[in-house]
Amino acid sequence: MGIRILLADDHRVIREGLRSLIDNQPDMEVVAEAEDGREAVQLAIELTPDMVVMDIAMPKLNGVDATRQILKERPGIKILGLSMHTNKQFVSYMLKAGASGYMLKSCAFDELTKAIEVIMLNHIYLAPGVSDFLVKDYVDNLPEKDSVICPQLSPREREVLQLIAEGRTTKQIARDLHVSAKTVATHREHIMSKTNLSNVAELVRYAAQTGLTSFDFSLSFS
């Protein structure tokens, strides 16, 4: 049996275009169309399709609330949000309501079947134009300490710790950093104090666990 899909959009031309694309797929079929949010909820509950392609801005009931109502009654249905808006609020509202994906109308015809297939495999699908700004927004709003490996250490201390984890001796580290061996030893003491570690083996393990080094040198001490 193919993937059964309900189209919910108040623009007839959009529905016709989406239906035409879906009808050309051997494993997908449109079981019904809705032109407003309330009709979408009613048809979804009645027909229990595998997926609803849901416009966000619809009369009588918006797509966000329609999504929430559908999933309350039929939690197994997948919802793919469809909108002309890239505003992060629209995306977040839809995903928080339970949608499994978000597409832009500008790219719907090229990406729709791919999005449906991805979502039916229990993955989240975000159109490239959406995922790009979501990731950027997420990174921009990260607390500064969360964007740095081992934030309790200074940049120089992180350098020293990485070199220790890579097996460099105190003299080699001093030469690489153009400082004295005594300075390196002082950095190591500060690192141990800040991380509450007591020996080089523990420092190596800590560096591997926190991702400061890509090699698990701690295996040598296990």
Protein backbone atom coordinates (compact mmCIF):
# COMPACT_ATOMS: atom_id res chain seq x y z
CA MET A 1 0.00 0.00 0.00
CA GLY A 2 1.30 3.45 -0.89
CA ILE A 3 1.73 6.45 1.37
CA ARG A 4 -1.70 8.02 1.89
CA ILE A 5 -1.57 11.81 1.91
CA LEU A 6 -4.01 14.58 2.82
CA LEU A 7 -3.35 17.97 1.22
CA ALA A 8 -4.39 21.00 3.28
CA ASP A 9 -4.02 24.38 1.58
CA ASP A 10 -6.49 27.17 0.93
CA HIS A 11 -5.05 27.84 -2.54
CA ARG A 12 -6.54 25.50 -5.10
CA VAL A 13 -3.66 25.97 -7.54
CA ILE A 14 -1.18 24.83 -4.88
CA ARG A 15 -3.25 21.75 -4.09
CA GLU A 16 -3.55 20.88 -7.76
CA GLY A 17 0.17 21.22 -8.28
CA LEU A 18 1.00 19.06 -5.27
CA ARG A 19 -1.58 16.45 -6.26
CA SER A 20 -0.19 16.27 -9.78
CA LEU A 21 3.32 15.67 -8.43
CA ILE A 22 2.19 13.06 -5.92
CA ASP A 23 0.00 11.24 -8.44
CA ASN A 24 3.11 10.65 -10.54
CA GLN A 25 4.73 8.71 -7.71
CA PRO A 26 4.03 4.95 -7.74
CA ASP A 27 4.06 4.63 -3.95
CA MET A 28 2.05 7.72 -2.98
CA GLU A 29 -1.58 8.78 -3.29
CA VAL A 30 -3.68 11.78 -2.32
CA VAL A 31 -6.71 10.57 -0.39
CA ALA A 32 -8.33 13.97 0.17
CA GLU A 33 -7.91 17.73 0.04
CA ALA A 34 -8.83 20.39 2.60
CA GLU A 35 -9.14 24.12 1.96
CA ASP A 36 -9.15 25.28 5.58
CA GLY A 37 -7.78 24.16 8.92
CA ARG A 38 -11.01 22.82 10.37
CA GLU A 39 -11.66 20.67 7.33
CA ALA A 40 -8.09 19.38 7.56
CA VAL A 41 -8.64 18.28 11.16
CA GLN A 42 -11.97 16.63 10.31
CA LEU A 43 -10.60 14.73 7.30
CA ALA A 44 -7.45 13.67 9.13
CA ILE A 45 -9.43 12.21 12.01
CA GLU A 46 -11.90 10.54 9.65
CA LEU A 47 -9.47 9.12 7.07
CA THR A 48 -6.29 8.67 9.17
CA PRO A 49 -3.84 9.33 6.32
CA ASP A 50 -0.15 8.55 6.74
CA MET A 51 0.72 12.21 6.24
CA VAL A 52 -0.84 15.65 6.07
CA VAL A 53 0.88 18.30 3.97
CA MET A 54 -0.26 21.30 5.97
CA ASP A 55 -0.24 24.94 4.92
CA ILE A 56 0.39 27.17 7.93
CA ALA A 57 -1.72 30.20 7.00
CA MET A 58 -5.25 28.89 6.44
CA PRO A 59 -8.75 30.27 7.14
CA LYS A 60 -10.95 29.11 10.04
CA LEU A 61 -8.03 27.38 11.78
CA ASN A 62 -4.31 27.97 11.21
CA GLY A 63 -1.99 25.11 10.35
CA VAL A 64 -0.20 25.16 13.72
CA ASP A 65 -3.38 24.65 15.74
CA ALA A 66 -4.71 22.21 13.16
CA THR A 67 -1.53 20.18 13.53
CA ARG A 68 -1.87 20.18 17.30
CA GLN A 69 -5.49 19.02 17.14
CA ILE A 70 -4.79 16.28 14.60
CA LEU A 71 -1.92 14.83 16.58
CA LYS A 72 -3.96 14.89 19.76
CA GLU A 73 -6.55 12.63 18.12
CA ARG A 74 -4.31 10.72 15.70
CA PRO A 75 -0.74 10.80 17.06
CA GLY A 76 0.53 8.40 14.38
CA ILE A 77 -0.08 10.82 11.52
CA LYS A 78 2.96 12.65 10.15
CA ILE A 79 2.63 16.38 9.47
CA LEU A 80 4.70 18.27 6.91
CA GLY A 81 4.40 22.04 7.32
CA LEU A 82 4.20 24.07 4.14
CA SER A 83 4.64 27.83 4.04
CA MET A 84 5.97 30.81 2.15
CA HIS A 85 7.53 32.12 5.38
CA THR A 86 11.12 31.49 6.50
CA ASN A 87 10.58 33.33 9.79
CA LYS A 88 12.02 31.21 12.60
CA GLN A 89 8.88 31.71 14.67
CA PHE A 90 6.71 29.98 12.09
CA VAL A 91 9.13 27.07 11.94
CA SER A 92 9.43 26.74 15.71
CA TYR A 93 5.65 26.97 16.21
CA MET A 94 5.09 24.20 13.68
CA LEU A 95 7.77 21.89 15.06
CA LYS A 96 6.61 22.45 18.65
CA ALA A 97 3.09 21.56 17.56
CA GLY A 98 4.45 18.20 16.48
CA ALA A 99 5.18 18.56 12.76
CA SER A 100 7.89 16.31 11.36
CA GLY A 101 9.06 18.74 8.72
CA TYR A 102 8.86 22.22 7.24
CA MET A 103 9.04 23.18 3.59
CA LEU A 104 8.84 26.42 1.66
CA LYS A 105 6.27 26.78 -1.09
CA SER A 106 8.96 28.16 -3.34
CA CYS A 107 10.68 24.77 -3.45
CA ALA A 108 7.77 22.43 -2.71
CA PHE A 109 7.51 20.88 -6.17
CA ASP A 110 11.18 19.97 -6.28
CA GLU A 111 11.47 18.66 -2.75
CA LEU A 112 8.06 17.36 -1.77
CA THR A 113 8.55 13.68 -2.56
CA LYS A 114 11.97 13.68 -0.91
CA ALA A 115 10.52 15.31 2.21
CA ILE A 116 7.70 12.76 2.37
CA GLU A 117 10.11 9.84 2.07
CA VAL A 118 12.42 11.23 4.76
CA ILE A 119 9.58 11.88 7.20
CA MET A 120 8.04 8.46 6.66
CA LEU A 121 11.37 7.00 7.79
CA ASN A 122 10.77 8.81 11.11
CA HIS A 123 13.26 11.59 10.43
CA ILE A 124 12.78 15.36 10.53
CA TYR A 125 12.90 17.16 7.19
CA LEU A 126 13.75 20.85 6.91
CA ALA A 127 14.11 22.59 3.57
CA PRO A 128 17.68 23.85 3.02
CA GLY A 129 16.60 27.48 3.23
CA VAL A 130 15.01 26.73 6.59
CA SER A 131 17.73 24.55 8.11
CA ASP A 132 20.43 27.10 7.24
CA PHE A 133 18.91 29.94 9.24
CA LEU A 134 17.82 27.63 12.08
CA VAL A 135 21.37 26.38 12.55
CA LYS A 136 22.77 29.92 12.32
CA ASP A 137 20.22 31.15 14.84
CA TYR A 138 21.05 28.28 17.18
CA VAL A 139 24.79 28.95 16.97
CA ASP A 140 24.35 32.71 17.37
CA ASN A 141 22.38 32.16 20.57
CA LEU A 142 24.71 29.66 22.18
CA PRO A 143 26.19 30.88 25.47
CA GLU A 144 29.80 31.82 24.90
CA LYS A 145 31.08 29.15 27.27
CA ASP A 146 29.24 26.44 25.33
CA SER A 147 31.02 27.34 22.10
CA VAL A 148 34.48 26.53 23.48
CA ILE A 149 35.98 23.14 24.34
CA CYS A 150 37.00 23.05 28.02
CA PRO A 151 35.72 26.62 28.68
CA GLN A 152 37.22 26.69 32.19
CA LEU A 153 40.70 26.65 30.65
CA SER A 154 42.42 29.58 28.99
CA PRO A 155 43.35 29.31 25.29
CA ARG A 156 47.00 28.70 26.24
CA GLU A 157 46.02 26.04 28.77
CA ARG A 158 43.98 24.27 26.13
CA GLU A 159 47.00 24.33 23.84
CA VAL A 160 49.17 22.79 26.53
CA LEU A 161 46.56 20.17 27.40
CA GLN A 162 46.19 19.11 23.77
CA LEU A 163 49.95 18.77 23.37
CA ILE A 164 50.14 16.72 26.58
CA ALA A 165 47.37 14.47 25.27
CA GLU A 166 49.27 14.04 22.01
CA GLY A 167 52.21 12.69 23.94
CA ARG A 168 54.53 15.68 23.81
CA THR A 169 57.06 16.04 26.62
CA THR A 170 57.43 19.23 28.68
CA LYS A 171 60.56 20.19 26.74
CA GLN A 172 58.86 19.57 23.39
CA ILE A 173 55.84 21.64 24.41
CA ALA A 174 58.10 24.45 25.60
CA ARG A 175 59.89 24.41 22.27
CA ASP A 176 56.63 24.33 20.26
CA LEU A 177 55.14 27.24 22.20
CA HIS A 178 58.39 29.18 22.53
CA VAL A 179 58.17 29.31 26.32
CA SER A 180 60.24 27.86 29.15
CA ALA A 181 59.75 24.38 30.57
CA LYS A 182 58.88 26.03 33.88
CA THR A 183 56.04 27.92 32.20
CA VAL A 184 54.70 24.69 30.73
CA ALA A 185 54.84 23.04 34.14
CA THR A 186 52.93 25.96 35.63
CA HIS A 187 50.27 25.67 32.94
CA ARG A 188 49.96 21.94 33.67
CA GLU A 189 49.48 22.64 37.38
CA HIS A 190 46.77 25.19 36.60
CA ILE A 191 45.04 22.72 34.27
CA MET A 192 45.07 20.01 36.95
CA SER A 193 43.70 22.44 39.50
CA LYS A 194 40.88 23.66 37.27
CA THR A 195 39.87 20.17 36.16
CA ASN A 196 40.38 18.48 39.54
CA LEU A 197 42.70 15.93 37.94
CA SER A 198 45.83 14.65 39.56
CA ASN A 199 48.11 13.11 36.91
CA VAL A 200 48.99 13.12 33.23
CA ALA A 201 47.03 9.94 32.50
CA GLU A 202 43.85 11.60 33.77
CA LEU A 203 44.60 14.72 31.72
CA VAL A 204 44.97 12.62 28.58
CA ARG A 205 41.69 10.86 29.25
CA TYR A 206 39.96 14.17 29.94
CA ALA A 207 41.23 15.68 26.70
CA ALA A 208 39.88 12.71 24.72
CA GLN A 209 36.52 12.73 26.46
CA THR A 210 35.95 16.44 25.91
CA GLY A 211 36.93 16.29 22.25
CA LEU A 212 40.04 18.43 22.62
CA THR A 213 41.95 15.76 20.74
CA SER A 214 40.58 13.46 18.06
CA PHE A 215 42.56 10.48 19.24
CA ASP A 216 41.66 8.52 22.35
CA PHE A 217 45.10 8.47 23.93
CA SER A 218 43.42 7.47 27.18
CA LEU A 219 43.37 3.90 25.89
CA SER A 220 47.07 3.73 26.62
CA PHE A 221 46.31 4.23 30.30
CA SER A 222 43.27 1.96 30.63
